[in-house]
Amino acid sequence: MSLYASVGAGTVSAFGQSVPAAFGRSGAIAADAKREGDGATPLGHWSIRAALLRPDRMAPPKTALPWRWLRADDGWSDDSADPAYNYPVRHPHRFSAERLWRDDHAYDMVVILGHNDAPPVPGLGSAIFLHCSQPDRRPTEGCVAIDRATLAAWLDRLSPGDAIDIMA
């Protein structure tokens, strides 16, 4: 199963639905031009790897995807000098790493996308996720975001081997 994300249309489609989506604040960019911190969503076909979920904000999912509960000290390395670049880490971390435990609900559900992870190339972008959108659908830092209810429903239907196609 593939989800189809259209940056131009501002939508993600799957399971017979098409829903509004938020993308990177800098728009979309070819994957080979993606750089750490550029705020762009990488175009391409990205495997859906796993999910991270806030235990205080949802019940266990029925998904076939590998998943685990987020912890308050979870992070994701975004430092090109870090040997753990574009991998999950625990805070405190001696390199720069995004905090995944957030108050704004964006990371209540995080679906990890296989961008720049096999193996990661330092500087070509990290932490590209499918996650919950903000109520005002403000742009992301490069991720794809949809409303929480839809993401929860789709999460229960996702399986290993699924992917997302992000198109201009």
N, C-alpha and C. Protein backbone atom coordinates (compact mmCIF):
# COMPACT_ATOMS: atom_id res chain seq x y z
N MET A 1 0.85 -1.18 0.00
CA MET A 1 0.00 0.00 0.00
C MET A 1 0.89 1.23 0.00
N SER A 2 0.53 2.19 -0.83
CA SER A 2 1.24 3.46 -0.82
C SER A 2 0.29 4.59 -0.49
N LEU A 3 0.77 5.50 0.31
CA LEU A 3 0.10 6.77 0.53
C LEU A 3 0.65 7.71 -0.53
N TYR A 4 -0.18 8.62 -1.03
CA TYR A 4 0.24 9.57 -2.05
C TYR A 4 0.11 10.97 -1.49
N ALA A 5 1.25 11.65 -1.42
CA ALA A 5 1.28 13.01 -0.90
C ALA A 5 1.57 13.96 -2.05
N SER A 6 0.68 14.92 -2.25
CA SER A 6 0.85 15.93 -3.28
C SER A 6 1.11 17.27 -2.61
N VAL A 7 2.35 17.73 -2.71
CA VAL A 7 2.70 19.01 -2.10
C VAL A 7 1.92 20.13 -2.77
N GLY A 8 1.80 20.08 -4.11
CA GLY A 8 1.08 21.12 -4.85
C GLY A 8 -0.38 21.21 -4.47
N ALA A 9 -1.02 20.05 -4.31
CA ALA A 9 -2.44 20.03 -3.93
C ALA A 9 -2.62 20.20 -2.43
N GLY A 10 -1.55 19.99 -1.66
CA GLY A 10 -1.65 20.09 -0.21
C GLY A 10 -2.47 18.97 0.40
N THR A 11 -2.30 17.75 -0.15
CA THR A 11 -3.09 16.62 0.32
C THR A 11 -2.24 15.35 0.46
N VAL A 12 -2.76 14.43 1.26
CA VAL A 12 -2.27 13.06 1.30
C VAL A 12 -3.47 12.17 1.07
N SER A 13 -3.31 11.15 0.22
CA SER A 13 -4.40 10.24 -0.11
C SER A 13 -4.02 8.81 0.23
N ALA A 14 -4.98 8.08 0.80
CA ALA A 14 -4.81 6.66 1.13
C ALA A 14 -6.16 6.11 1.55
N PHE A 15 -6.32 4.81 1.40
CA PHE A 15 -7.50 4.11 1.89
C PHE A 15 -8.80 4.78 1.42
N GLY A 16 -8.81 5.27 0.18
CA GLY A 16 -10.01 5.88 -0.39
C GLY A 16 -10.31 7.28 0.09
N GLN A 17 -9.39 7.89 0.82
CA GLN A 17 -9.57 9.25 1.35
C GLN A 17 -8.47 10.15 0.83
N SER A 18 -8.78 11.43 0.71
CA SER A 18 -7.78 12.45 0.45
C SER A 18 -8.00 13.55 1.48
N VAL A 19 -6.94 13.87 2.23
CA VAL A 19 -7.08 14.81 3.34
C VAL A 19 -6.07 15.95 3.20
N PRO A 20 -6.40 17.13 3.74
CA PRO A 20 -5.44 18.23 3.73
C PRO A 20 -4.18 17.85 4.51
N ALA A 21 -3.06 18.38 4.04
CA ALA A 21 -1.77 18.08 4.66
C ALA A 21 -0.90 19.32 4.71
N ALA A 22 0.02 19.31 5.64
CA ALA A 22 1.05 20.35 5.73
C ALA A 22 2.38 19.73 5.33
N PHE A 23 3.18 20.53 4.67
CA PHE A 23 4.51 20.10 4.22
C PHE A 23 5.55 21.10 4.70
N GLY A 24 6.78 20.91 4.31
CA GLY A 24 7.87 21.76 4.75
C GLY A 24 7.68 23.24 4.47
N ARG A 25 8.18 24.05 5.38
CA ARG A 25 8.05 25.52 5.26
C ARG A 25 8.72 26.05 4.01
N SER A 26 9.68 25.29 3.46
CA SER A 26 10.37 25.71 2.23
C SER A 26 9.86 24.98 1.01
N GLY A 27 8.71 24.31 1.12
CA GLY A 27 8.15 23.58 -0.01
C GLY A 27 8.77 22.21 -0.15
N ALA A 28 8.87 21.75 -1.38
CA ALA A 28 9.40 20.42 -1.67
C ALA A 28 10.69 20.55 -2.47
N ILE A 29 11.51 19.52 -2.38
CA ILE A 29 12.81 19.54 -3.04
C ILE A 29 13.18 18.13 -3.46
N ALA A 30 13.94 18.01 -4.54
CA ALA A 30 14.43 16.69 -4.95
C ALA A 30 15.25 16.10 -3.80
N ALA A 31 15.12 14.81 -3.61
CA ALA A 31 15.79 14.16 -2.48
C ALA A 31 17.30 14.38 -2.50
N ASP A 32 17.92 14.39 -3.68
CA ASP A 32 19.37 14.56 -3.72
C ASP A 32 19.81 15.98 -3.43
N ALA A 33 18.87 16.92 -3.40
CA ALA A 33 19.17 18.31 -3.05
C ALA A 33 18.82 18.64 -1.60
N LYS A 34 18.19 17.71 -0.91
CA LYS A 34 17.77 17.92 0.48
C LYS A 34 18.99 18.12 1.38
N ARG A 35 18.92 19.13 2.26
CA ARG A 35 20.00 19.40 3.20
C ARG A 35 19.42 19.60 4.59
N GLU A 36 20.20 19.24 5.59
CA GLU A 36 19.78 19.39 6.98
C GLU A 36 19.39 20.83 7.26
N GLY A 37 18.20 21.01 7.85
CA GLY A 37 17.75 22.32 8.28
C GLY A 37 17.16 23.20 7.20
N ASP A 38 17.02 22.69 5.96
CA ASP A 38 16.51 23.54 4.88
C ASP A 38 14.99 23.74 4.92
N GLY A 39 14.28 22.98 5.75
CA GLY A 39 12.84 23.14 5.87
C GLY A 39 12.04 22.61 4.70
N ALA A 40 12.68 21.84 3.83
CA ALA A 40 12.01 21.31 2.64
C ALA A 40 11.62 19.85 2.84
N THR A 41 10.50 19.47 2.23
CA THR A 41 10.05 18.08 2.23
C THR A 41 10.69 17.37 1.04
N PRO A 42 11.36 16.24 1.26
CA PRO A 42 12.02 15.54 0.15
C PRO A 42 11.02 14.77 -0.72
N LEU A 43 11.09 15.01 -2.02
CA LEU A 43 10.26 14.28 -2.97
C LEU A 43 10.80 12.86 -3.11
N GLY A 44 9.91 11.90 -3.33
CA GLY A 44 10.36 10.53 -3.56
C GLY A 44 9.44 9.50 -2.96
N HIS A 45 9.89 8.28 -3.04
CA HIS A 45 9.17 7.11 -2.53
C HIS A 45 9.88 6.66 -1.26
N TRP A 46 9.20 6.79 -0.12
CA TRP A 46 9.83 6.51 1.17
C TRP A 46 9.09 5.40 1.89
N SER A 47 9.83 4.38 2.26
CA SER A 47 9.24 3.27 3.03
C SER A 47 8.76 3.79 4.38
N ILE A 48 7.69 3.18 4.84
CA ILE A 48 7.18 3.46 6.19
C ILE A 48 7.85 2.44 7.10
N ARG A 49 8.64 2.93 8.06
CA ARG A 49 9.47 2.05 8.88
C ARG A 49 8.79 1.58 10.16
N ALA A 50 8.25 2.52 10.94
CA ALA A 50 7.74 2.20 12.27
C ALA A 50 6.99 3.41 12.81
N ALA A 51 6.45 3.27 14.01
CA ALA A 51 5.73 4.38 14.64
C ALA A 51 6.21 4.57 16.08
N LEU A 52 6.17 5.83 16.50
CA LEU A 52 6.45 6.23 17.88
C LEU A 52 5.21 6.94 18.39
N LEU A 53 4.76 6.59 19.59
CA LEU A 53 3.46 7.07 20.07
C LEU A 53 3.54 7.55 21.52
N ARG A 54 2.81 8.61 21.82
CA ARG A 54 2.75 9.15 23.19
C ARG A 54 1.79 8.31 24.03
N PRO A 55 2.28 7.65 25.06
CA PRO A 55 1.41 6.78 25.87
C PRO A 55 0.38 7.54 26.68
N ASP A 56 0.63 8.81 26.96
CA ASP A 56 -0.32 9.59 27.74
C ASP A 56 -1.38 10.26 26.87
N ARG A 57 -1.34 10.03 25.56
CA ARG A 57 -2.27 10.71 24.67
C ARG A 57 -3.01 9.78 23.73
N MET A 58 -2.82 8.47 23.89
CA MET A 58 -3.56 7.53 23.04
C MET A 58 -3.49 6.12 23.61
N ALA A 59 -4.41 5.30 23.15
CA ALA A 59 -4.43 3.88 23.52
C ALA A 59 -3.49 3.12 22.57
N PRO A 60 -3.11 1.91 22.93
CA PRO A 60 -2.27 1.13 22.02
C PRO A 60 -2.95 0.97 20.66
N PRO A 61 -2.20 1.12 19.57
CA PRO A 61 -2.79 1.00 18.23
C PRO A 61 -2.98 -0.46 17.85
N LYS A 62 -3.73 -0.66 16.78
CA LYS A 62 -3.93 -2.01 16.25
C LYS A 62 -3.08 -2.24 15.01
N THR A 63 -2.09 -1.40 14.80
CA THR A 63 -1.26 -1.44 13.61
C THR A 63 -0.39 -2.69 13.54
N ALA A 64 -0.08 -3.11 12.32
CA ALA A 64 0.88 -4.19 12.09
C ALA A 64 2.31 -3.65 12.01
N LEU A 65 2.45 -2.32 11.98
CA LEU A 65 3.78 -1.73 11.95
C LEU A 65 4.50 -1.98 13.27
N PRO A 66 5.82 -2.07 13.23
CA PRO A 66 6.54 -2.04 14.49
C PRO A 66 6.31 -0.68 15.15
N TRP A 67 6.13 -0.66 16.45
CA TRP A 67 5.91 0.60 17.14
C TRP A 67 6.40 0.48 18.58
N ARG A 68 6.57 1.66 19.19
CA ARG A 68 6.88 1.69 20.62
C ARG A 68 6.37 3.00 21.19
N TRP A 69 6.24 3.01 22.52
CA TRP A 69 5.84 4.22 23.22
C TRP A 69 7.01 5.20 23.26
N LEU A 70 6.72 6.46 23.04
CA LEU A 70 7.73 7.50 23.24
C LEU A 70 8.02 7.66 24.73
N ARG A 71 9.25 8.05 25.02
CA ARG A 71 9.67 8.37 26.38
C ARG A 71 10.02 9.86 26.42
N ALA A 72 9.94 10.44 27.58
CA ALA A 72 10.19 11.88 27.72
C ALA A 72 11.60 12.28 27.28
N ASP A 73 12.53 11.36 27.29
CA ASP A 73 13.90 11.70 26.91
C ASP A 73 14.25 11.28 25.47
N ASP A 74 13.27 10.90 24.68
CA ASP A 74 13.54 10.51 23.30
C ASP A 74 13.90 11.71 22.44
N GLY A 75 14.85 11.48 21.55
CA GLY A 75 15.26 12.49 20.59
C GLY A 75 15.59 11.85 19.26
N TRP A 76 15.92 12.71 18.28
CA TRP A 76 16.32 12.22 16.96
C TRP A 76 17.51 13.07 16.52
N SER A 77 18.65 12.44 16.28
CA SER A 77 19.86 13.18 15.96
C SER A 77 19.74 13.94 14.64
N ASP A 78 20.07 15.24 14.70
CA ASP A 78 20.07 16.08 13.50
C ASP A 78 21.43 16.75 13.30
N ASP A 79 22.45 16.22 13.94
CA ASP A 79 23.79 16.79 13.88
C ASP A 79 24.65 15.94 12.94
N SER A 80 25.10 16.55 11.85
CA SER A 80 25.89 15.83 10.84
C SER A 80 27.17 15.22 11.40
N ALA A 81 27.68 15.76 12.49
CA ALA A 81 28.91 15.23 13.10
C ALA A 81 28.64 14.05 14.03
N ASP A 82 27.38 13.77 14.31
CA ASP A 82 27.00 12.70 15.24
C ASP A 82 27.07 11.35 14.54
N PRO A 83 27.77 10.37 15.12
CA PRO A 83 27.75 9.02 14.55
C PRO A 83 26.34 8.43 14.49
N ALA A 84 25.42 8.95 15.30
CA ALA A 84 24.03 8.49 15.31
C ALA A 84 23.12 9.38 14.46
N TYR A 85 23.71 10.15 13.53
CA TYR A 85 22.93 11.06 12.68
C TYR A 85 21.74 10.34 12.03
N ASN A 86 20.58 10.96 12.13
CA ASN A 86 19.31 10.47 11.59
C ASN A 86 18.88 9.14 12.21
N TYR A 87 19.20 8.99 13.48
CA TYR A 87 18.72 7.85 14.25
C TYR A 87 18.14 8.35 15.57
N PRO A 88 17.30 7.54 16.20
CA PRO A 88 16.79 7.93 17.52
C PRO A 88 17.91 7.91 18.55
N VAL A 89 17.82 8.85 19.49
CA VAL A 89 18.79 8.97 20.59
C VAL A 89 18.03 9.28 21.87
N ARG A 90 18.74 9.28 22.98
CA ARG A 90 18.15 9.64 24.27
C ARG A 90 18.83 10.92 24.77
N HIS A 91 18.04 11.82 25.33
CA HIS A 91 18.58 13.03 25.94
C HIS A 91 18.92 12.76 27.40
N PRO A 92 19.96 13.35 27.93
CA PRO A 92 20.82 14.32 27.25
C PRO A 92 21.70 13.60 26.22
N HIS A 93 21.96 14.31 25.13
CA HIS A 93 22.77 13.77 24.03
C HIS A 93 23.84 14.81 23.72
N ARG A 94 25.06 14.39 23.55
CA ARG A 94 26.14 15.37 23.40
C ARG A 94 26.14 16.09 22.06
N PHE A 95 25.37 15.58 21.09
CA PHE A 95 25.22 16.24 19.80
C PHE A 95 23.81 16.83 19.72
N SER A 96 23.57 17.68 18.75
CA SER A 96 22.24 18.25 18.56
C SER A 96 21.25 17.14 18.20
N ALA A 97 20.09 17.19 18.83
CA ALA A 97 19.05 16.20 18.55
C ALA A 97 17.69 16.81 18.87
N GLU A 98 16.77 16.63 17.96
CA GLU A 98 15.40 17.12 18.16
C GLU A 98 14.76 16.35 19.31
N ARG A 99 14.00 17.05 20.13
CA ARG A 99 13.23 16.40 21.20
C ARG A 99 11.90 15.92 20.62
N LEU A 100 11.58 14.64 20.84
CA LEU A 100 10.35 14.07 20.30
C LEU A 100 9.17 14.20 21.24
N TRP A 101 9.41 14.40 22.51
CA TRP A 101 8.34 14.57 23.50
C TRP A 101 7.98 16.06 23.49
N ARG A 102 6.87 16.39 22.82
CA ARG A 102 6.50 17.79 22.61
C ARG A 102 5.15 18.10 23.24
N ASP A 103 4.98 19.36 23.61
CA ASP A 103 3.72 19.81 24.20
C ASP A 103 2.67 20.17 23.16
N ASP A 104 3.08 20.40 21.90
CA ASP A 104 2.15 20.91 20.89
C ASP A 104 1.33 19.83 20.18
N HIS A 105 1.45 18.59 20.58
CA HIS A 105 0.70 17.44 20.05
C HIS A 105 1.15 16.99 18.66
N ALA A 106 2.09 17.68 18.03
CA ALA A 106 2.53 17.29 16.68
C ALA A 106 3.09 15.87 16.66
N TYR A 107 3.80 15.48 17.72
CA TYR A 107 4.43 14.16 17.75
C TYR A 107 3.69 13.18 18.66
N ASP A 108 2.40 13.39 18.84
CA ASP A 108 1.62 12.38 19.58
C ASP A 108 1.68 11.04 18.86
N MET A 109 1.70 11.10 17.52
CA MET A 109 1.89 9.93 16.66
C MET A 109 2.92 10.31 15.61
N VAL A 110 3.99 9.55 15.54
CA VAL A 110 5.06 9.78 14.57
C VAL A 110 5.24 8.51 13.77
N VAL A 111 5.09 8.62 12.45
CA VAL A 111 5.37 7.50 11.55
C VAL A 111 6.72 7.82 10.90
N ILE A 112 7.69 6.96 11.14
CA ILE A 112 9.05 7.17 10.65
C ILE A 112 9.11 6.79 9.17
N LEU A 113 9.61 7.72 8.36
CA LEU A 113 9.77 7.48 6.93
C LEU A 113 11.23 7.17 6.62
N GLY A 114 11.44 6.32 5.64
CA GLY A 114 12.78 5.85 5.30
C GLY A 114 13.57 6.80 4.43
N HIS A 115 13.57 8.07 4.78
CA HIS A 115 14.39 9.04 4.04
C HIS A 115 15.80 9.09 4.63
N ASN A 116 16.81 8.96 3.78
CA ASN A 116 18.21 9.08 4.17
C ASN A 116 18.57 8.19 5.37
N ASP A 117 18.18 6.92 5.27
CA ASP A 117 18.44 6.05 6.43
C ASP A 117 19.09 4.72 6.07
N ALA A 118 19.50 4.52 4.83
CA ALA A 118 20.01 3.20 4.46
C ALA A 118 21.29 3.27 3.63
N PRO A 119 22.40 3.67 4.16
CA PRO A 119 22.62 4.28 5.47
C PRO A 119 22.44 5.80 5.39
N PRO A 120 22.33 6.47 6.54
CA PRO A 120 22.20 7.92 6.51
C PRO A 120 23.49 8.58 6.01
N VAL A 121 23.33 9.59 5.20
CA VAL A 121 24.46 10.40 4.74
C VAL A 121 24.40 11.71 5.52
N PRO A 122 25.42 11.99 6.33
CA PRO A 122 25.39 13.21 7.14
C PRO A 122 25.12 14.46 6.29
N GLY A 123 24.16 15.26 6.78
CA GLY A 123 23.84 16.52 6.14
C GLY A 123 22.73 16.46 5.11
N LEU A 124 22.28 15.25 4.72
CA LEU A 124 21.25 15.15 3.68
C LEU A 124 19.83 15.07 4.23
N GLY A 125 19.66 15.43 5.49
CA GLY A 125 18.32 15.51 6.06
C GLY A 125 18.02 14.39 7.03
N SER A 126 17.36 14.77 8.13
CA SER A 126 17.03 13.81 9.17
C SER A 126 15.60 14.04 9.66
N ALA A 127 15.10 13.04 10.37
CA ALA A 127 13.80 13.15 11.05
C ALA A 127 12.67 13.54 10.11
N ILE A 128 12.57 12.85 8.99
CA ILE A 128 11.45 13.09 8.07
C ILE A 128 10.35 12.09 8.47
N PHE A 129 9.26 12.65 8.99
CA PHE A 129 8.18 11.86 9.56
C PHE A 129 6.84 12.20 8.91
N LEU A 130 5.87 11.32 9.11
CA LEU A 130 4.45 11.61 8.93
C LEU A 130 3.93 11.77 10.35
N HIS A 131 3.38 12.93 10.67
CA HIS A 131 2.94 13.18 12.04
C HIS A 131 1.67 14.02 12.06
N CYS A 132 1.20 14.35 13.24
CA CYS A 132 -0.04 15.12 13.41
C CYS A 132 0.17 16.58 13.00
N SER A 133 -0.79 17.13 12.28
CA SER A 133 -0.71 18.54 11.91
C SER A 133 -1.19 19.41 13.06
N GLN A 134 -0.78 20.66 13.01
CA GLN A 134 -1.26 21.66 13.96
C GLN A 134 -2.65 22.10 13.51
N PRO A 135 -3.48 22.61 14.41
CA PRO A 135 -4.83 23.03 14.03
C PRO A 135 -4.85 24.05 12.88
N ASP A 136 -3.84 24.92 12.81
CA ASP A 136 -3.78 25.90 11.73
C ASP A 136 -3.07 25.37 10.49
N ARG A 137 -2.68 24.11 10.51
CA ARG A 137 -1.96 23.43 9.42
C ARG A 137 -0.70 24.19 8.99
N ARG A 138 -0.02 24.78 9.96
CA ARG A 138 1.21 25.50 9.64
C ARG A 138 2.24 24.53 9.07
N PRO A 139 3.16 25.04 8.26
CA PRO A 139 4.17 24.18 7.65
C PRO A 139 5.04 23.48 8.69
N THR A 140 5.64 22.40 8.26
CA THR A 140 6.54 21.60 9.09
C THR A 140 7.98 22.01 8.79
N GLU A 141 8.91 21.33 9.41
CA GLU A 141 10.34 21.56 9.14
C GLU A 141 10.84 20.65 8.01
N GLY A 142 9.93 19.97 7.33
CA GLY A 142 10.29 19.07 6.24
C GLY A 142 9.47 17.79 6.22
N CYS A 143 8.67 17.60 7.25
CA CYS A 143 7.82 16.41 7.37
C CYS A 143 6.52 16.58 6.59
N VAL A 144 5.69 15.54 6.67
CA VAL A 144 4.33 15.56 6.17
C VAL A 144 3.43 15.45 7.39
N ALA A 145 2.42 16.31 7.49
CA ALA A 145 1.54 16.29 8.66
C ALA A 145 0.08 16.29 8.22
N ILE A 146 -0.70 15.42 8.86
CA ILE A 146 -2.15 15.35 8.62
C ILE A 146 -2.87 15.38 9.96
N ASP A 147 -4.19 15.55 9.91
CA ASP A 147 -4.93 15.66 11.16
C ASP A 147 -4.84 14.36 11.97
N ARG A 148 -4.90 14.54 13.27
CA ARG A 148 -4.69 13.45 14.22
C ARG A 148 -5.65 12.28 14.01
N ALA A 149 -6.94 12.57 13.82
CA ALA A 149 -7.93 11.49 13.69
C ALA A 149 -7.64 10.63 12.46
N THR A 150 -7.28 11.27 11.36
CA THR A 150 -6.98 10.50 10.15
C THR A 150 -5.71 9.69 10.35
N LEU A 151 -4.69 10.30 10.94
CA LEU A 151 -3.44 9.56 11.16
C LEU A 151 -3.69 8.35 12.06
N ALA A 152 -4.50 8.51 13.08
CA ALA A 152 -4.81 7.38 13.97
C ALA A 152 -5.52 6.26 13.21
N ALA A 153 -6.48 6.62 12.37
CA ALA A 153 -7.22 5.62 11.59
C ALA A 153 -6.29 4.92 10.58
N TRP A 154 -5.45 5.69 9.92
CA TRP A 154 -4.53 5.10 8.94
C TRP A 154 -3.46 4.26 9.62
N LEU A 155 -2.99 4.69 10.78
CA LEU A 155 -1.98 3.93 11.50
C LEU A 155 -2.45 2.50 11.73
N ASP A 156 -3.72 2.34 12.08
CA ASP A 156 -4.25 1.00 12.32
C ASP A 156 -4.29 0.14 11.06
N ARG A 157 -4.17 0.77 9.88
CA ARG A 157 -4.24 0.03 8.62
C ARG A 157 -2.88 -0.14 7.95
N LEU A 158 -1.86 0.54 8.47
CA LEU A 158 -0.53 0.44 7.86
C LEU A 158 0.16 -0.86 8.25
N SER A 159 1.02 -1.33 7.34
CA SER A 159 1.74 -2.58 7.54
C SER A 159 3.18 -2.43 7.07
N PRO A 160 4.05 -3.31 7.55
CA PRO A 160 5.41 -3.31 7.01
C PRO A 160 5.36 -3.47 5.49
N GLY A 161 6.20 -2.75 4.80
CA GLY A 161 6.22 -2.78 3.33
C GLY A 161 5.45 -1.63 2.71
N ASP A 162 4.63 -0.93 3.49
CA ASP A 162 3.91 0.24 2.97
C ASP A 162 4.89 1.38 2.78
N ALA A 163 4.47 2.36 1.97
CA ALA A 163 5.34 3.49 1.65
C ALA A 163 4.50 4.73 1.42
N ILE A 164 5.20 5.86 1.30
CA ILE A 164 4.55 7.11 0.93
C ILE A 164 5.29 7.67 -0.28
N ASP A 165 4.54 8.09 -1.28
CA ASP A 165 5.09 8.75 -2.45
C ASP A 165 4.82 10.24 -2.30
N ILE A 166 5.88 11.02 -2.17
CA ILE A 166 5.74 12.47 -2.04
C ILE A 166 6.07 13.08 -3.39
N MET A 167 5.08 13.74 -3.96
CA MET A 167 5.21 14.32 -5.30
C MET A 167 5.00 15.82 -5.23
N ALA A 168 5.60 16.53 -6.20
CA ALA A 168 5.40 17.96 -6.29
C ALA A 168 3.96 18.22 -6.62
